[in-house]
Every structure is written in C-alpha cells, then in structure tokens.
PDB file of N, CA and C in Angstrom:
ATOM      1  N   MET A   1     -14.995   0.456 -25.683  1.00  0.00           N
ATOM      2  CA  MET A   1     -15.648   1.381 -24.743  1.00  0.00           C
ATOM      3  C   MET A   1     -16.504   0.600 -23.738  1.00  0.00           C
ATOM      4  N   ARG A   2     -17.068  -0.521 -24.213  1.00  0.00           N
ATOM      5  CA  ARG A   2     -17.937  -1.273 -23.303  1.00  0.00           C
ATOM      6  C   ARG A   2     -17.147  -1.815 -22.113  1.00  0.00           C
ATOM      7  N   ALA A   3     -15.930  -2.306 -22.399  1.00  0.00           N
ATOM      8  CA  ALA A   3     -15.126  -2.836 -21.297  1.00  0.00           C
ATOM      9  C   ALA A   3     -14.831  -1.733 -20.283  1.00  0.00           C
ATOM     10  N   ASN A   4     -14.574  -0.529 -20.798  1.00  0.00           N
ATOM     11  CA  ASN A   4     -14.278   0.580 -19.895  1.00  0.00           C
ATOM     12  C   ASN A   4     -15.496   0.905 -19.047  1.00  0.00           C
ATOM     13  N   THR A   5     -16.672   0.892 -19.672  1.00  0.00           N
ATOM     14  CA  THR A   5     -17.891   1.216 -18.913  1.00  0.00           C
ATOM     15  C   THR A   5     -18.152   0.139 -17.866  1.00  0.00           C
ATOM     16  N   THR A   6     -17.854  -1.116 -18.190  1.00  0.00           N
ATOM     17  CA  THR A   6     -18.070  -2.181 -17.211  1.00  0.00           C
ATOM     18  C   THR A   6     -17.134  -1.991 -16.019  1.00  0.00           C
ATOM     19  N   VAL A   7     -15.900  -1.590 -16.310  1.00  0.00           N
ATOM     20  CA  VAL A   7     -14.953  -1.353 -15.219  1.00  0.00           C
ATOM     21  C   VAL A   7     -15.458  -0.209 -14.347  1.00  0.00           C
ATOM     22  N   ARG A   8     -15.969   0.845 -14.984  1.00  0.00           N
ATOM     23  CA  ARG A   8     -16.499   1.965 -14.199  1.00  0.00           C
ATOM     24  C   ARG A   8     -17.677   1.500 -13.353  1.00  0.00           C
ATOM     25  N   ALA A   9     -18.555   0.677 -13.949  1.00  0.00           N
ATOM     26  CA  ALA A   9     -19.710   0.194 -13.197  1.00  0.00           C
ATOM     27  C   ALA A   9     -19.254  -0.631 -12.004  1.00  0.00           C
ATOM     28  N   GLN A  10     -18.245  -1.472 -12.199  1.00  0.00           N
ATOM     29  CA  GLN A  10     -17.744  -2.277 -11.092  1.00  0.00           C
ATOM     30  C   GLN A  10     -17.157  -1.375 -10.016  1.00  0.00           C
ATOM     31  N   ARG A  11     -16.407  -0.343 -10.430  1.00  0.00           N
ATOM     32  CA  ARG A  11     -15.810   0.561  -9.439  1.00  0.00           C
ATOM     33  C   ARG A  11     -16.898   1.284  -8.666  1.00  0.00           C
ATOM     34  N   GLN A  12     -17.926   1.760  -9.371  1.00  0.00           N
ATOM     35  CA  GLN A  12     -19.005   2.465  -8.692  1.00  0.00           C
ATOM     36  C   GLN A  12     -19.731   1.514  -7.745  1.00  0.00           C
ATOM     37  N   PHE A  13     -19.959   0.280  -8.188  1.00  0.00           N
ATOM     38  CA  PHE A  13     -20.641  -0.705  -7.346  1.00  0.00           C
ATOM     39  C   PHE A  13     -19.818  -0.980  -6.094  1.00  0.00           C
ATOM     40  N   ARG A  14     -18.502  -1.114  -6.268  1.00  0.00           N
ATOM     41  CA  ARG A  14     -17.632  -1.364  -5.119  1.00  0.00           C
ATOM     42  C   ARG A  14     -17.585  -0.136  -4.212  1.00  0.00           C
ATOM     43  N   ALA A  15     -17.580   1.048  -4.838  1.00  0.00           N
ATOM     44  CA  ALA A  15     -17.512   2.272  -4.039  1.00  0.00           C
ATOM     45  C   ALA A  15     -18.762   2.410  -3.177  1.00  0.00           C
ATOM     46  N   GLY A  16     -19.911   1.911  -3.673  1.00  0.00           N
ATOM     47  CA  GLY A  16     -21.143   2.008  -2.895  1.00  0.00           C
ATOM     48  C   GLY A  16     -21.118   1.104  -1.667  1.00  0.00           C
ATOM     49  N   GLN A  17     -20.338   0.026  -1.736  1.00  0.00           N
ATOM     50  CA  GLN A  17     -20.282  -0.899  -0.601  1.00  0.00           C
ATOM     51  C   GLN A  17     -19.349  -0.348   0.476  1.00  0.00           C
ATOM     52  N   PRO A  18     -19.538  -0.747   1.736  1.00  0.00           N
ATOM     53  CA  PRO A  18     -18.628  -0.313   2.797  1.00  0.00           C
ATOM     54  C   PRO A  18     -17.218  -0.819   2.529  1.00  0.00           C
ATOM     55  N   ARG A  19     -16.280   0.092   2.511  1.00  0.00           N
ATOM     56  CA  ARG A  19     -14.896  -0.292   2.221  1.00  0.00           C
ATOM     57  C   ARG A  19     -14.302  -1.070   3.390  1.00  0.00           C
ATOM     58  N   ARG A  20     -13.560  -2.105   3.056  1.00  0.00           N
ATOM     59  CA  ARG A  20     -12.837  -2.841   4.094  1.00  0.00           C
ATOM     60  C   ARG A  20     -11.442  -2.233   4.212  1.00  0.00           C
ATOM     61  N   PRO A  21     -10.915  -2.116   5.411  1.00  0.00           N
ATOM     62  CA  PRO A  21      -9.569  -1.545   5.564  1.00  0.00           C
ATOM     63  C   PRO A  21      -8.543  -2.381   4.816  1.00  0.00           C
ATOM     64  N   PHE A  22      -7.645  -1.727   4.134  1.00  0.00           N
ATOM     65  CA  PHE A  22      -6.622  -2.448   3.391  1.00  0.00           C
ATOM     66  C   PHE A  22      -5.760  -3.254   4.361  1.00  0.00           C
ATOM     67  N   PRO A  23      -5.255  -4.402   3.932  1.00  0.00           N
ATOM     68  CA  PRO A  23      -4.423  -5.219   4.826  1.00  0.00           C
ATOM     69  C   PRO A  23      -3.152  -4.475   5.213  1.00  0.00           C
ATOM     70  N   GLN A  24      -3.115  -3.988   6.444  1.00  0.00           N
ATOM     71  CA  GLN A  24      -1.942  -3.263   6.928  1.00  0.00           C
ATOM     72  C   GLN A  24      -1.318  -4.026   8.089  1.00  0.00           C
ATOM     73  N   PRO A  25      -0.022  -3.874   8.308  1.00  0.00           N
ATOM     74  CA  PRO A  25       0.611  -4.538   9.450  1.00  0.00           C
ATOM     75  C   PRO A  25       0.009  -4.041  10.755  1.00  0.00           C
ATOM     76  N   ALA A  26      -0.148  -4.952  11.708  1.00  0.00           N
ATOM     77  CA  ALA A  26      -0.777  -4.590  12.974  1.00  0.00           C
ATOM     78  C   ALA A  26       0.030  -3.483  13.671  1.00  0.00           C
ATOM     79  N   LYS A  27       1.350  -3.608  13.629  1.00  0.00           N
ATOM     80  CA  LYS A  27       2.203  -2.602  14.276  1.00  0.00           C
ATOM     81  C   LYS A  27       3.155  -2.024  13.231  1.00  0.00           C
ATOM     82  N   PRO A  28       2.788  -0.929  12.586  1.00  0.00           N
ATOM     83  CA  PRO A  28       3.669  -0.380  11.549  1.00  0.00           C
ATOM     84  C   PRO A  28       5.009   0.065  12.107  1.00  0.00           C
ATOM     85  N   HIS A  29       5.042   0.444  13.394  1.00  0.00           N
ATOM     86  CA  HIS A  29       6.304   0.924  13.975  1.00  0.00           C
ATOM     87  C   HIS A  29       7.284  -0.224  14.193  1.00  0.00           C
ATOM     88  N   SER A  30       6.751  -1.453  14.242  1.00  0.00           N
ATOM     89  CA  SER A  30       7.630  -2.589  14.498  1.00  0.00           C
ATOM     90  C   SER A  30       8.287  -3.098  13.218  1.00  0.00           C
ATOM     91  N   MET A  31       7.890  -2.539  12.084  1.00  0.00           N
ATOM     92  CA  MET A  31       8.476  -3.002  10.823  1.00  0.00           C
ATOM     93  C   MET A  31       9.954  -2.616  10.769  1.00  0.00           C
ATOM     94  N   PRO A  32      10.814  -3.511  10.301  1.00  0.00           N
ATOM     95  CA  PRO A  32      12.243  -3.184  10.229  1.00  0.00           C
ATOM     96  C   PRO A  32      12.501  -2.114   9.193  1.00  0.00           C
ATOM     97  N   ARG A  33      13.125  -1.032   9.607  1.00  0.00           N
ATOM     98  CA  ARG A  33      13.437   0.048   8.672  1.00  0.00           C
ATOM     99  C   ARG A  33      14.823  -0.189   8.066  1.00  0.00           C
ATOM    100  N   PRO A  34      15.025   0.200   6.813  1.00  0.00           N
ATOM    101  CA  PRO A  34      16.360   0.031   6.195  1.00  0.00           C
ATOM    102  C   PRO A  34      17.381   0.913   6.895  1.00  0.00           C
ATOM    103  N   ARG A  35      18.315   0.299   7.580  1.00  0.00           N
ATOM    104  CA  ARG A  35      19.322   1.079   8.304  1.00  0.00           C
ATOM    105  C   ARG A  35      20.303   1.689   7.317  1.00  0.00           C
ATOM    106  N   PRO A  36      20.738   2.922   7.547  1.00  0.00           N
ATOM    107  CA  PRO A  36      21.719   3.538   6.644  1.00  0.00           C
ATOM    108  C   PRO A  36      23.048   2.797   6.723  1.00  0.00           C
ATOM    109  N   LEU A  37      23.566   2.409   5.581  1.00  0.00           N
ATOM    110  CA  LEU A  37      24.822   1.662   5.573  1.00  0.00           C
ATOM    111  C   LEU A  37      25.958   2.553   6.064  1.00  0.00           C
ATOM    112  N   PRO A  38      26.869   2.005   6.850  1.00  0.00           N
ATOM    113  CA  PRO A  38      27.997   2.821   7.331  1.00  0.00           C
ATOM    114  C   PRO A  38      28.891   3.242   6.181  1.00  0.00           C
ATOM    115  N   LYS A  39      29.289   4.491   6.201  1.00  0.00           N
ATOM    116  CA  LYS A  39      30.151   4.995   5.123  1.00  0.00           C
ATOM    117  C   LYS A  39      31.530   4.328   5.218  1.00  0.00           C
ATOM    118  N   PRO A  40      32.208   4.176   4.093  1.00  0.00           N
ATOM    119  CA  PRO A  40      33.504   3.474   4.118  1.00  0.00           C
ATOM    120  C   PRO A  40      34.513   4.154   5.034  1.00  0.00           C
ATOM    121  N   GLY A  41      34.411   5.478   5.240  1.00  0.00           N
ATOM    122  CA  GLY A  41      35.401   6.179   6.057  1.00  0.00           C
ATOM    123  C   GLY A  41      35.021   6.249   7.519  1.00  0.00           C
ATOM    124  N   SER A  42      33.763   5.870   7.879  1.00  0.00           N
ATOM    125  CA  SER A  42      33.319   6.045   9.254  1.00  0.00           C
ATOM    126  C   SER A  42      33.749   4.876  10.146  1.00  0.00           C
ATOM    127  N   ARG A  43      34.234   3.792   9.522  1.00  0.00           N
ATOM    128  CA  ARG A  43      34.593   2.612  10.325  1.00  0.00           C
ATOM    129  C   ARG A  43      36.073   2.670  10.672  1.00  0.00           C
ATOM    130  N   GLY A  44      36.413   3.457  11.647  1.00  0.00           N
ATOM    131  CA  GLY A  44      37.816   3.647  12.008  1.00  0.00           C
ATOM    132  C   GLY A  44      38.446   2.355  12.458  1.00  0.00           C
TER     133      GLY A  44
END
C-alpha cells in the first residue's frame, strides 16, 4: 500500500506543477497516413 500511496503522492505533486505539452509533431497534417492498399481486382 505504501508504494501505491507514494505513486499517488508523485502524481498529485506532478499535477500541481504546470503541465508541459506532450511531445507532438509540429505539423500533424504532414504526417504520412497509411494509404489504403489497392484491391486485387481494381488494378485493371
């Protein structure tokens, strides 16, 4: 139980501090999206 309480205390301590933005890509729209694979019958 003590380990759990220490984890809670750490979370509360961190929650009290100003949160830093999570590391996100500068341009999310520029990320390559998984293109749908062409169906076997669509390639005439």
